[in-house]
Amino acid sequence: MLSLVSEKEKRSFEFVEVVFVNENEIISVNKKFLDRDYVTDIISFHYTEEENASIEGTLYCCAPRIQEQADELNQPHKTEFFRIFIHGLLHLIGYEDQTPEEKLEMRNKEDFYLNLLALPYEK
């Protein structure tokens, strides 16, 4: 997956750490670094300062929230985990999801990669 995103987005990844945490831990990370007090599925930390340098970062993934989200959206757990991983990689590249337009662009990118992987999902 990492190499596929790297190839299609024309960006290289030097180091990507994926850390799976529970709800309490994701809240702790969210509070400490983002001043937010809630459970989320993923938090991405980008360490590369130069714009076109190889990307380094950490993805904190809340496994229980991702599973719960998959059930809420009637998605296979595996697909939702891949979607969230893709989402985190896109954040490391520089994509944002603060506006409706950005959210749509991110969702379209996620769907594009899920389709390339032939993973089932509901739109």
N, C-alpha and C. Protein backbone atom coordinates (compact mmCIF):
# COMPACT_ATOMS: atom_id res chain seq x y z
N MET A 1 0.82 -1.19 0.00
CA MET A 1 0.00 0.00 0.00
C MET A 1 0.86 1.25 0.00
N LEU A 2 1.88 1.26 0.84
CA LEU A 2 2.76 2.42 0.94
C LEU A 2 3.42 2.71 -0.41
N SER A 3 3.91 1.67 -1.06
CA SER A 3 4.58 1.87 -2.35
C SER A 3 3.59 2.31 -3.43
N LEU A 4 2.36 1.83 -3.36
CA LEU A 4 1.33 2.23 -4.32
C LEU A 4 1.01 3.72 -4.18
N VAL A 5 0.80 4.18 -2.96
CA VAL A 5 0.52 5.60 -2.73
C VAL A 5 1.73 6.44 -3.14
N SER A 6 2.90 5.96 -2.80
CA SER A 6 4.13 6.67 -3.16
C SER A 6 4.23 6.84 -4.67
N GLU A 7 3.99 5.77 -5.39
CA GLU A 7 4.08 5.80 -6.86
C GLU A 7 3.04 6.73 -7.46
N LYS A 8 1.80 6.59 -7.06
CA LYS A 8 0.71 7.36 -7.66
C LYS A 8 0.75 8.84 -7.27
N GLU A 9 1.20 9.14 -6.06
CA GLU A 9 1.26 10.53 -5.60
C GLU A 9 2.60 11.18 -5.93
N LYS A 10 3.53 10.37 -6.44
CA LYS A 10 4.87 10.85 -6.80
C LYS A 10 5.59 11.49 -5.60
N ARG A 11 5.50 10.79 -4.48
CA ARG A 11 6.17 11.21 -3.24
C ARG A 11 6.81 9.97 -2.64
N SER A 12 7.97 10.12 -2.06
CA SER A 12 8.63 8.97 -1.44
C SER A 12 8.49 9.04 0.07
N PHE A 13 8.43 7.88 0.68
CA PHE A 13 8.34 7.75 2.12
C PHE A 13 9.66 7.18 2.64
N GLU A 14 10.29 7.88 3.53
CA GLU A 14 11.53 7.44 4.16
C GLU A 14 11.23 6.54 5.36
N PHE A 15 10.26 6.97 6.16
CA PHE A 15 9.93 6.27 7.40
C PHE A 15 8.49 6.57 7.78
N VAL A 16 7.69 5.54 7.96
CA VAL A 16 6.33 5.70 8.45
C VAL A 16 6.12 4.69 9.57
N GLU A 17 5.90 5.23 10.75
CA GLU A 17 5.62 4.41 11.93
C GLU A 17 4.11 4.35 12.12
N VAL A 18 3.57 3.15 12.31
CA VAL A 18 2.15 2.99 12.56
C VAL A 18 2.01 2.45 13.98
N VAL A 19 1.29 3.21 14.82
CA VAL A 19 1.12 2.86 16.22
C VAL A 19 -0.38 2.63 16.46
N PHE A 20 -0.72 1.42 16.88
CA PHE A 20 -2.12 1.12 17.21
C PHE A 20 -2.34 1.35 18.69
N VAL A 21 -3.39 2.11 19.00
CA VAL A 21 -3.68 2.48 20.38
C VAL A 21 -5.16 2.26 20.67
N ASN A 22 -5.50 2.30 21.96
CA ASN A 22 -6.90 2.21 22.36
C ASN A 22 -7.51 3.61 22.47
N GLU A 23 -8.77 3.67 22.89
CA GLU A 23 -9.46 4.96 22.97
C GLU A 23 -8.80 5.93 23.96
N ASN A 24 -8.41 5.42 25.12
CA ASN A 24 -7.78 6.29 26.12
C ASN A 24 -6.48 6.89 25.60
N GLU A 25 -5.71 6.09 24.91
CA GLU A 25 -4.43 6.57 24.40
C GLU A 25 -4.61 7.58 23.27
N ILE A 26 -5.59 7.36 22.38
CA ILE A 26 -5.79 8.32 21.28
C ILE A 26 -6.30 9.66 21.84
N ILE A 27 -7.12 9.60 22.90
CA ILE A 27 -7.58 10.83 23.54
C ILE A 27 -6.38 11.56 24.15
N SER A 28 -5.50 10.81 24.78
CA SER A 28 -4.30 11.39 25.38
C SER A 28 -3.43 12.09 24.33
N VAL A 29 -3.19 11.43 23.22
CA VAL A 29 -2.40 12.01 22.12
C VAL A 29 -3.12 13.23 21.56
N ASN A 30 -4.41 13.12 21.39
CA ASN A 30 -5.22 14.22 20.85
C ASN A 30 -5.15 15.45 21.76
N LYS A 31 -5.26 15.22 23.07
CA LYS A 31 -5.19 16.33 24.04
C LYS A 31 -3.80 16.95 24.06
N LYS A 32 -2.79 16.09 24.16
CA LYS A 32 -1.42 16.56 24.33
C LYS A 32 -0.92 17.38 23.13
N PHE A 33 -1.20 16.90 21.94
CA PHE A 33 -0.62 17.53 20.75
C PHE A 33 -1.57 18.44 19.97
N LEU A 34 -2.87 18.18 20.08
CA LEU A 34 -3.83 18.94 19.26
C LEU A 34 -4.86 19.70 20.08
N ASP A 35 -4.76 19.60 21.39
CA ASP A 35 -5.68 20.30 22.30
C ASP A 35 -7.14 19.94 22.01
N ARG A 36 -7.37 18.65 21.71
CA ARG A 36 -8.72 18.15 21.44
C ARG A 36 -9.00 17.03 22.42
N ASP A 37 -10.23 16.93 22.88
CA ASP A 37 -10.59 15.96 23.91
C ASP A 37 -11.66 14.98 23.40
N TYR A 38 -11.28 14.16 22.41
CA TYR A 38 -12.23 13.18 21.91
C TYR A 38 -11.48 12.03 21.21
N VAL A 39 -12.23 10.94 21.01
CA VAL A 39 -11.71 9.78 20.29
C VAL A 39 -11.77 10.07 18.80
N THR A 40 -10.71 9.70 18.10
CA THR A 40 -10.68 9.81 16.64
C THR A 40 -10.05 8.54 16.09
N ASP A 41 -10.20 8.30 14.81
CA ASP A 41 -9.68 7.07 14.23
C ASP A 41 -8.18 7.12 13.96
N ILE A 42 -7.67 8.29 13.59
CA ILE A 42 -6.24 8.39 13.27
C ILE A 42 -5.74 9.81 13.52
N ILE A 43 -4.51 9.89 13.95
CA ILE A 43 -3.80 11.17 14.07
C ILE A 43 -2.47 10.99 13.37
N SER A 44 -2.17 11.92 12.46
CA SER A 44 -0.95 11.84 11.66
C SER A 44 0.03 12.92 12.09
N PHE A 45 1.28 12.53 12.27
CA PHE A 45 2.34 13.47 12.58
C PHE A 45 3.39 13.41 11.48
N HIS A 46 3.59 14.52 10.83
CA HIS A 46 4.52 14.65 9.71
C HIS A 46 5.80 15.28 10.24
N TYR A 47 6.95 14.64 10.03
CA TYR A 47 8.21 15.14 10.57
C TYR A 47 9.10 15.81 9.54
N THR A 48 8.77 15.67 8.27
CA THR A 48 9.60 16.21 7.20
C THR A 48 9.30 17.70 7.02
N GLU A 49 10.34 18.52 7.06
CA GLU A 49 10.15 19.97 6.94
C GLU A 49 10.26 20.46 5.50
N GLU A 50 11.13 19.86 4.72
CA GLU A 50 11.30 20.28 3.33
C GLU A 50 10.15 19.75 2.49
N GLU A 51 9.62 20.61 1.62
CA GLU A 51 8.40 20.28 0.88
C GLU A 51 8.49 19.02 0.03
N ASN A 52 9.56 18.82 -0.70
CA ASN A 52 9.65 17.66 -1.60
C ASN A 52 10.59 16.57 -1.11
N ALA A 53 10.97 16.62 0.16
CA ALA A 53 11.85 15.60 0.72
C ALA A 53 11.07 14.31 0.96
N SER A 54 11.81 13.22 1.13
CA SER A 54 11.17 11.96 1.50
C SER A 54 10.43 12.15 2.82
N ILE A 55 9.25 11.57 2.89
CA ILE A 55 8.35 11.79 4.02
C ILE A 55 8.67 10.87 5.19
N GLU A 56 8.66 11.46 6.37
CA GLU A 56 8.77 10.73 7.62
C GLU A 56 7.59 11.11 8.49
N GLY A 57 7.01 10.12 9.17
CA GLY A 57 5.88 10.45 10.03
C GLY A 57 5.42 9.27 10.86
N THR A 58 4.50 9.58 11.75
CA THR A 58 3.88 8.58 12.61
C THR A 58 2.37 8.67 12.46
N LEU A 59 1.74 7.51 12.37
CA LEU A 59 0.28 7.42 12.31
C LEU A 59 -0.20 6.71 13.57
N TYR A 60 -0.95 7.43 14.40
CA TYR A 60 -1.58 6.82 15.58
C TYR A 60 -2.97 6.38 15.16
N CYS A 61 -3.20 5.08 15.17
CA CYS A 61 -4.48 4.52 14.74
C CYS A 61 -5.20 3.93 15.95
N CYS A 62 -6.44 4.33 16.14
CA CYS A 62 -7.24 3.81 17.24
C CYS A 62 -8.03 2.60 16.73
N ALA A 63 -7.49 1.41 16.96
CA ALA A 63 -8.07 0.19 16.42
C ALA A 63 -9.53 -0.02 16.86
N PRO A 64 -9.86 0.17 18.14
CA PRO A 64 -11.27 -0.01 18.51
C PRO A 64 -12.21 0.96 17.79
N ARG A 65 -11.77 2.20 17.60
CA ARG A 65 -12.61 3.18 16.91
C ARG A 65 -12.76 2.82 15.44
N ILE A 66 -11.70 2.34 14.83
CA ILE A 66 -11.77 1.95 13.41
C ILE A 66 -12.74 0.78 13.24
N GLN A 67 -12.69 -0.20 14.14
CA GLN A 67 -13.63 -1.33 14.07
C GLN A 67 -15.06 -0.87 14.27
N GLU A 68 -15.27 0.00 15.25
CA GLU A 68 -16.60 0.55 15.52
C GLU A 68 -17.12 1.33 14.30
N GLN A 69 -16.24 2.11 13.72
CA GLN A 69 -16.59 2.89 12.54
C GLN A 69 -16.96 1.98 11.37
N ALA A 70 -16.22 0.92 11.20
CA ALA A 70 -16.52 -0.04 10.13
C ALA A 70 -17.93 -0.61 10.32
N ASP A 71 -18.26 -0.96 11.56
CA ASP A 71 -19.60 -1.48 11.84
C ASP A 71 -20.68 -0.43 11.57
N GLU A 72 -20.43 0.81 12.00
CA GLU A 72 -21.39 1.90 11.77
C GLU A 72 -21.63 2.14 10.29
N LEU A 73 -20.57 2.01 9.49
CA LEU A 73 -20.65 2.28 8.05
C LEU A 73 -20.95 1.04 7.22
N ASN A 74 -21.13 -0.10 7.92
CA ASN A 74 -21.39 -1.38 7.25
C ASN A 74 -20.27 -1.73 6.26
N GLN A 75 -19.04 -1.56 6.72
CA GLN A 75 -17.85 -1.85 5.92
C GLN A 75 -17.10 -3.03 6.52
N PRO A 76 -16.42 -3.80 5.70
CA PRO A 76 -15.54 -4.83 6.27
C PRO A 76 -14.43 -4.16 7.11
N HIS A 77 -14.08 -4.77 8.22
CA HIS A 77 -13.04 -4.19 9.09
C HIS A 77 -11.74 -3.99 8.33
N LYS A 78 -11.35 -4.97 7.54
CA LYS A 78 -10.10 -4.87 6.78
C LYS A 78 -10.12 -3.64 5.86
N THR A 79 -11.23 -3.42 5.19
CA THR A 79 -11.34 -2.28 4.29
C THR A 79 -11.22 -0.97 5.06
N GLU A 80 -11.88 -0.89 6.21
CA GLU A 80 -11.83 0.36 6.98
C GLU A 80 -10.42 0.62 7.51
N PHE A 81 -9.72 -0.44 7.92
CA PHE A 81 -8.34 -0.25 8.37
C PHE A 81 -7.48 0.26 7.21
N PHE A 82 -7.66 -0.29 6.03
CA PHE A 82 -6.90 0.20 4.88
C PHE A 82 -7.28 1.64 4.55
N ARG A 83 -8.58 1.97 4.61
CA ARG A 83 -9.01 3.34 4.32
C ARG A 83 -8.34 4.32 5.28
N ILE A 84 -8.31 3.98 6.55
CA ILE A 84 -7.73 4.87 7.55
C ILE A 84 -6.21 4.99 7.34
N PHE A 85 -5.56 3.89 7.00
CA PHE A 85 -4.12 3.93 6.71
C PHE A 85 -3.85 4.84 5.50
N ILE A 86 -4.64 4.68 4.46
CA ILE A 86 -4.52 5.53 3.27
C ILE A 86 -4.74 6.99 3.66
N HIS A 87 -5.77 7.24 4.46
CA HIS A 87 -6.09 8.59 4.92
C HIS A 87 -4.88 9.21 5.63
N GLY A 88 -4.26 8.44 6.51
CA GLY A 88 -3.09 8.93 7.22
C GLY A 88 -1.92 9.23 6.29
N LEU A 89 -1.70 8.36 5.32
CA LEU A 89 -0.63 8.60 4.34
C LEU A 89 -0.88 9.87 3.55
N LEU A 90 -2.13 10.08 3.18
CA LEU A 90 -2.48 11.29 2.44
C LEU A 90 -2.22 12.54 3.28
N HIS A 91 -2.51 12.46 4.56
CA HIS A 91 -2.20 13.59 5.45
C HIS A 91 -0.68 13.83 5.48
N LEU A 92 0.10 12.75 5.55
CA LEU A 92 1.56 12.91 5.58
C LEU A 92 2.05 13.59 4.30
N ILE A 93 1.40 13.29 3.19
CA ILE A 93 1.78 13.90 1.91
C ILE A 93 1.43 15.38 1.90
N GLY A 94 0.38 15.74 2.61
CA GLY A 94 0.00 17.15 2.66
C GLY A 94 -1.47 17.43 2.40
N TYR A 95 -2.25 16.40 2.13
CA TYR A 95 -3.68 16.59 1.95
C TYR A 95 -4.33 16.96 3.27
N GLU A 96 -5.33 17.82 3.21
CA GLU A 96 -6.08 18.24 4.39
C GLU A 96 -7.54 17.84 4.24
N ASP A 97 -8.28 17.90 5.35
CA ASP A 97 -9.71 17.56 5.30
C ASP A 97 -10.52 18.47 6.22
N GLN A 98 -10.18 19.74 6.21
CA GLN A 98 -10.87 20.70 7.06
C GLN A 98 -12.14 21.27 6.43
N THR A 99 -12.17 21.36 5.11
CA THR A 99 -13.34 21.92 4.42
C THR A 99 -14.10 20.79 3.73
N PRO A 100 -15.36 21.03 3.37
CA PRO A 100 -16.10 20.01 2.61
C PRO A 100 -15.40 19.60 1.32
N GLU A 101 -14.80 20.56 0.64
CA GLU A 101 -14.10 20.26 -0.62
C GLU A 101 -12.88 19.36 -0.36
N GLU A 102 -12.13 19.67 0.69
CA GLU A 102 -10.96 18.86 1.04
C GLU A 102 -11.38 17.45 1.46
N LYS A 103 -12.46 17.37 2.23
CA LYS A 103 -12.97 16.05 2.66
C LYS A 103 -13.36 15.21 1.46
N LEU A 104 -14.02 15.83 0.49
CA LEU A 104 -14.41 15.11 -0.71
C LEU A 104 -13.20 14.64 -1.49
N GLU A 105 -12.20 15.49 -1.62
CA GLU A 105 -10.98 15.10 -2.32
C GLU A 105 -10.30 13.92 -1.62
N MET A 106 -10.23 13.98 -0.29
CA MET A 106 -9.62 12.87 0.47
C MET A 106 -10.42 11.59 0.27
N ARG A 107 -11.74 11.67 0.35
CA ARG A 107 -12.59 10.48 0.19
C ARG A 107 -12.40 9.89 -1.20
N ASN A 108 -12.36 10.74 -2.22
CA ASN A 108 -12.14 10.25 -3.58
C ASN A 108 -10.79 9.56 -3.72
N LYS A 109 -9.76 10.12 -3.10
CA LYS A 109 -8.43 9.48 -3.13
C LYS A 109 -8.48 8.13 -2.41
N GLU A 110 -9.11 8.10 -1.24
CA GLU A 110 -9.23 6.83 -0.50
C GLU A 110 -9.93 5.79 -1.36
N ASP A 111 -11.06 6.16 -1.97
CA ASP A 111 -11.79 5.23 -2.84
C ASP A 111 -10.93 4.76 -4.01
N PHE A 112 -10.17 5.67 -4.59
CA PHE A 112 -9.28 5.33 -5.69
C PHE A 112 -8.31 4.20 -5.28
N TYR A 113 -7.68 4.36 -4.12
CA TYR A 113 -6.72 3.35 -3.66
C TYR A 113 -7.40 2.05 -3.24
N LEU A 114 -8.57 2.14 -2.61
CA LEU A 114 -9.30 0.91 -2.27
C LEU A 114 -9.67 0.14 -3.53
N ASN A 115 -10.06 0.87 -4.58
CA ASN A 115 -10.37 0.23 -5.85
C ASN A 115 -9.14 -0.44 -6.46
N LEU A 116 -8.00 0.22 -6.39
CA LEU A 116 -6.76 -0.38 -6.91
C LEU A 116 -6.41 -1.66 -6.16
N LEU A 117 -6.74 -1.70 -4.88
CA LEU A 117 -6.46 -2.88 -4.06
C LEU A 117 -7.57 -3.93 -4.16
N ALA A 118 -8.63 -3.58 -4.88
CA ALA A 118 -9.79 -4.46 -5.04
C ALA A 118 -10.42 -4.82 -3.71
N LEU A 119 -10.47 -3.85 -2.80
CA LEU A 119 -11.10 -4.07 -1.50
C LEU A 119 -12.57 -3.66 -1.58
N PRO A 120 -13.44 -4.47 -1.02
CA PRO A 120 -14.87 -4.14 -1.08
C PRO A 120 -15.21 -3.01 -0.12
N TYR A 121 -16.09 -2.12 -0.56
CA TYR A 121 -16.58 -1.05 0.32
C TYR A 121 -17.90 -0.55 -0.23
N GLU A 122 -18.66 0.05 0.67
CA GLU A 122 -19.95 0.66 0.31
C GLU A 122 -19.73 2.15 0.16
N LYS A 123 -20.27 2.75 -0.87
CA LYS A 123 -20.18 4.21 -1.04
C LYS A 123 -21.29 4.88 -0.29
